[in-house]
């Protein structure tokens, strides 16, 4: 049996969560893409976004963890990392993105009215 035949090589547990996320690409002009996570771990994430992303690119992504419309607050996870790989999806307009999480922080923000 080879390593790729069923042995899990990841060092951290993946959580299969579908949450809204925004990806900001660090280019000359900041580009923001909308998407949804498929899974998260302490070291990385896989998400699908509406737009083009390239392997090796530095990115920042914000995962919305909670929205409380009554109190007009939002809690999200702000992550910085880089794209490891991209995958084609069924939809032509979307791209699957596997990215590292090099740094992260939890943040709260008031929702704009």
C-alpha atoms as a PDB file:
ATOM      1  CA  UNK A   1       0.000   0.000   0.000  1.00  0.00           C
ATOM      2  CA  UNK A   2       1.320   3.460  -0.923  1.00  0.00           C
ATOM      3  CA  UNK A   3       1.007   6.547   1.256  1.00  0.00           C
ATOM      4  CA  UNK A   4      -1.714   8.028  -0.944  1.00  0.00           C
ATOM      5  CA  UNK A   5      -3.894   4.906  -0.674  1.00  0.00           C
ATOM      6  CA  UNK A   6      -5.990   5.899   2.280  1.00  0.00           C
ATOM      7  CA  UNK A   7      -3.524   7.139   4.882  1.00  0.00           C
ATOM      8  CA  UNK A   8      -4.404  10.625   6.098  1.00  0.00           C
ATOM      9  CA  UNK A   9      -1.367  12.918   5.941  1.00  0.00           C
ATOM     10  CA  UNK A  10      -2.928  16.064   7.372  1.00  0.00           C
ATOM     11  CA  UNK A  11      -1.595  17.248  10.721  1.00  0.00           C
ATOM     12  CA  UNK A  12      -4.757  18.963  11.882  1.00  0.00           C
ATOM     13  CA  UNK A  13      -8.411  17.933  11.881  1.00  0.00           C
ATOM     14  CA  UNK A  14     -10.653  19.350   9.152  1.00  0.00           C
ATOM     15  CA  UNK A  15     -14.080  20.716  10.037  1.00  0.00           C
ATOM     16  CA  UNK A  16     -16.604  20.526   7.228  1.00  0.00           C
ATOM     17  CA  UNK A  17     -18.318  23.902   7.504  1.00  0.00           C
ATOM     18  CA  UNK A  18     -20.194  25.834   4.855  1.00  0.00           C
ATOM     19  CA  UNK A  19     -19.849  29.483   5.812  1.00  0.00           C
ATOM     20  CA  UNK A  20     -19.836  32.704   3.791  1.00  0.00           C
ATOM     21  CA  UNK A  21     -16.388  34.098   3.101  1.00  0.00           C
ATOM     22  CA  UNK A  22     -14.769  36.986   1.284  1.00  0.00           C
ATOM     23  CA  UNK A  23     -11.356  36.700  -0.319  1.00  0.00           C
ATOM     24  CA  UNK A  24      -9.166  39.755  -0.805  1.00  0.00           C
ATOM     25  CA  UNK A  25      -6.348  39.324  -3.285  1.00  0.00           C
ATOM     26  CA  UNK A  26      -3.168  41.333  -2.701  1.00  0.00           C
ATOM     27  CA  UNK A  27      -2.619  42.752  -6.158  1.00  0.00           C
ATOM     28  CA  UNK A  28      -1.976  46.299  -7.339  1.00  0.00           C
ATOM     29  CA  UNK A  29      -5.665  46.963  -6.874  1.00  0.00           C
ATOM     30  CA  UNK A  30      -7.353  44.950  -4.149  1.00  0.00           C
ATOM     31  CA  UNK A  31      -9.868  42.497  -5.620  1.00  0.00           C
ATOM     32  CA  UNK A  32     -12.612  41.080  -3.395  1.00  0.00           C
ATOM     33  CA  UNK A  33     -14.307  37.796  -4.267  1.00  0.00           C
ATOM     34  CA  UNK A  34     -17.364  36.240  -2.618  1.00  0.00           C
ATOM     35  CA  UNK A  35     -17.463  32.564  -1.728  1.00  0.00           C
ATOM     36  CA  UNK A  36     -18.279  29.777   0.734  1.00  0.00           C
ATOM     37  CA  UNK A  37     -16.030  27.536   2.769  1.00  0.00           C
ATOM     38  CA  UNK A  38     -16.138  23.754   2.390  1.00  0.00           C
ATOM     39  CA  UNK A  39     -13.745  22.908   5.202  1.00  0.00           C
ATOM     40  CA  UNK A  40     -11.444  24.593   7.708  1.00  0.00           C
ATOM     41  CA  UNK A  41      -8.575  23.464   9.894  1.00  0.00           C
ATOM     42  CA  UNK A  42      -6.057  25.290  12.059  1.00  0.00           C
ATOM     43  CA  UNK A  43      -3.560  25.208   9.176  1.00  0.00           C
ATOM     44  CA  UNK A  44      -5.692  25.779   6.080  1.00  0.00           C
ATOM     45  CA  UNK A  45      -9.012  26.050   4.315  1.00  0.00           C
ATOM     46  CA  UNK A  46     -10.784  24.966   1.171  1.00  0.00           C
ATOM     47  CA  UNK A  47     -13.402  27.285  -0.283  1.00  0.00           C
ATOM     48  CA  UNK A  48     -15.136  28.075  -3.560  1.00  0.00           C
ATOM     49  CA  UNK A  49     -15.085  31.642  -4.888  1.00  0.00           C
ATOM     50  CA  UNK A  50     -16.622  33.548  -7.779  1.00  0.00           C
ATOM     51  CA  UNK A  51     -13.533  34.535  -9.739  1.00  0.00           C
ATOM     52  CA  UNK A  52      -9.954  33.692 -10.618  1.00  0.00           C
ATOM     53  CA  UNK A  53      -7.252  32.935  -8.055  1.00  0.00           C
ATOM     54  CA  UNK A  54      -3.743  31.676  -8.804  1.00  0.00           C
ATOM     55  CA  UNK A  55      -1.560  29.148  -6.965  1.00  0.00           C
ATOM     56  CA  UNK A  56       1.175  30.830  -4.924  1.00  0.00           C
ATOM     57  CA  UNK A  57      -0.802  34.052  -4.566  1.00  0.00           C
ATOM     58  CA  UNK A  58      -0.929  35.791  -1.164  1.00  0.00           C
ATOM     59  CA  UNK A  59      -4.509  36.239   0.040  1.00  0.00           C
ATOM     60  CA  UNK A  60      -6.564  37.370   2.981  1.00  0.00           C
ATOM     61  CA  UNK A  61      -9.918  35.750   3.602  1.00  0.00           C
ATOM     62  CA  UNK A  62     -12.670  36.599   6.035  1.00  0.00           C
ATOM     63  CA  UNK A  63     -14.989  33.818   7.183  1.00  0.00           C
ATOM     64  CA  UNK A  64     -18.276  34.958   8.709  1.00  0.00           C
ATOM     65  CA  UNK A  65     -18.828  32.878  11.840  1.00  0.00           C
ATOM     66  CA  UNK A  66     -21.897  34.618  13.226  1.00  0.00           C
ATOM     67  CA  UNK A  67     -24.272  37.426  12.312  1.00  0.00           C
ATOM     68  CA  UNK A  68     -26.654  38.836  14.873  1.00  0.00           C
ATOM     69  CA  UNK A  69     -29.015  41.138  12.993  1.00  0.00           C
ATOM     70  CA  UNK A  70     -30.913  42.058  16.181  1.00  0.00           C
ATOM     71  CA  UNK A  71     -27.750  43.417  17.822  1.00  0.00           C
ATOM     72  CA  UNK A  72     -26.282  44.439  14.442  1.00  0.00           C
ATOM     73  CA  UNK A  73     -22.995  42.603  15.037  1.00  0.00           C
ATOM     74  CA  UNK A  74     -20.885  40.213  13.032  1.00  0.00           C
ATOM     75  CA  UNK A  75     -18.134  37.858  14.212  1.00  0.00           C
ATOM     76  CA  UNK A  76     -15.620  36.635  11.695  1.00  0.00           C
ATOM     77  CA  UNK A  77     -12.276  34.933  11.332  1.00  0.00           C
ATOM     78  CA  UNK A  78      -9.678  36.974   9.456  1.00  0.00           C
ATOM     79  CA  UNK A  79      -6.977  34.780   7.883  1.00  0.00           C
ATOM     80  CA  UNK A  80      -3.834  35.494   5.908  1.00  0.00           C
ATOM     81  CA  UNK A  81      -2.078  32.869   3.867  1.00  0.00           C
ATOM     82  CA  UNK A  82      -1.382  31.814   0.323  1.00  0.00           C
ATOM     83  CA  UNK A  83      -3.037  29.663  -2.309  1.00  0.00           C
ATOM     84  CA  UNK A  84      -1.670  26.125  -2.515  1.00  0.00           C
ATOM     85  CA  UNK A  85      -3.810  24.929  -5.417  1.00  0.00           C
ATOM     86  CA  UNK A  86      -6.977  25.671  -7.359  1.00  0.00           C
ATOM     87  CA  UNK A  87      -9.545  23.267  -8.780  1.00  0.00           C
ATOM     88  CA  UNK A  88     -12.129  23.610 -11.504  1.00  0.00           C
ATOM     89  CA  UNK A  89     -15.727  23.369 -10.326  1.00  0.00           C
ATOM     90  CA  UNK A  90     -18.955  22.426 -12.070  1.00  0.00           C
ATOM     91  CA  UNK A  91     -19.740  26.116 -12.554  1.00  0.00           C
ATOM     92  CA  UNK A  92     -17.481  27.998 -14.962  1.00  0.00           C
ATOM     93  CA  UNK A  93     -17.618  31.129 -12.822  1.00  0.00           C
ATOM     94  CA  UNK A  94     -16.347  29.482  -9.649  1.00  0.00           C
ATOM     95  CA  UNK A  95     -12.964  28.146  -8.568  1.00  0.00           C
ATOM     96  CA  UNK A  96     -12.107  25.802  -5.697  1.00  0.00           C
ATOM     97  CA  UNK A  97      -9.210  27.156  -3.634  1.00  0.00           C
ATOM     98  CA  UNK A  98      -6.987  25.360  -1.115  1.00  0.00           C
ATOM     99  CA  UNK A  99      -5.103  27.893   0.999  1.00  0.00           C
ATOM    100  CA  UNK A 100      -2.820  27.911   4.011  1.00  0.00           C
ATOM    101  CA  UNK A 101      -3.623  29.850   7.155  1.00  0.00           C
ATOM    102  CA  UNK A 102      -0.371  31.513   8.172  1.00  0.00           C
ATOM    103  CA  UNK A 103      -1.969  34.010  10.579  1.00  0.00           C
ATOM    104  CA  UNK A 104      -5.487  34.459  11.903  1.00  0.00           C
ATOM    105  CA  UNK A 105      -7.518  36.540  14.319  1.00  0.00           C
ATOM    106  CA  UNK A 106     -11.115  36.613  15.501  1.00  0.00           C
ATOM    107  CA  UNK A 107     -12.840  39.945  15.018  1.00  0.00           C
ATOM    108  CA  UNK A 108     -16.151  41.608  15.817  1.00  0.00           C
ATOM    109  CA  UNK A 109     -17.699  44.387  13.831  1.00  0.00           C
ATOM    110  CA  UNK A 110     -20.927  46.330  13.789  1.00  0.00           C
ATOM    111  CA  UNK A 111     -23.086  45.736  10.741  1.00  0.00           C
ATOM    112  CA  UNK A 112     -23.767  48.827   8.666  1.00  0.00           C
ATOM    113  CA  UNK A 113     -27.388  49.827   8.429  1.00  0.00           C
END
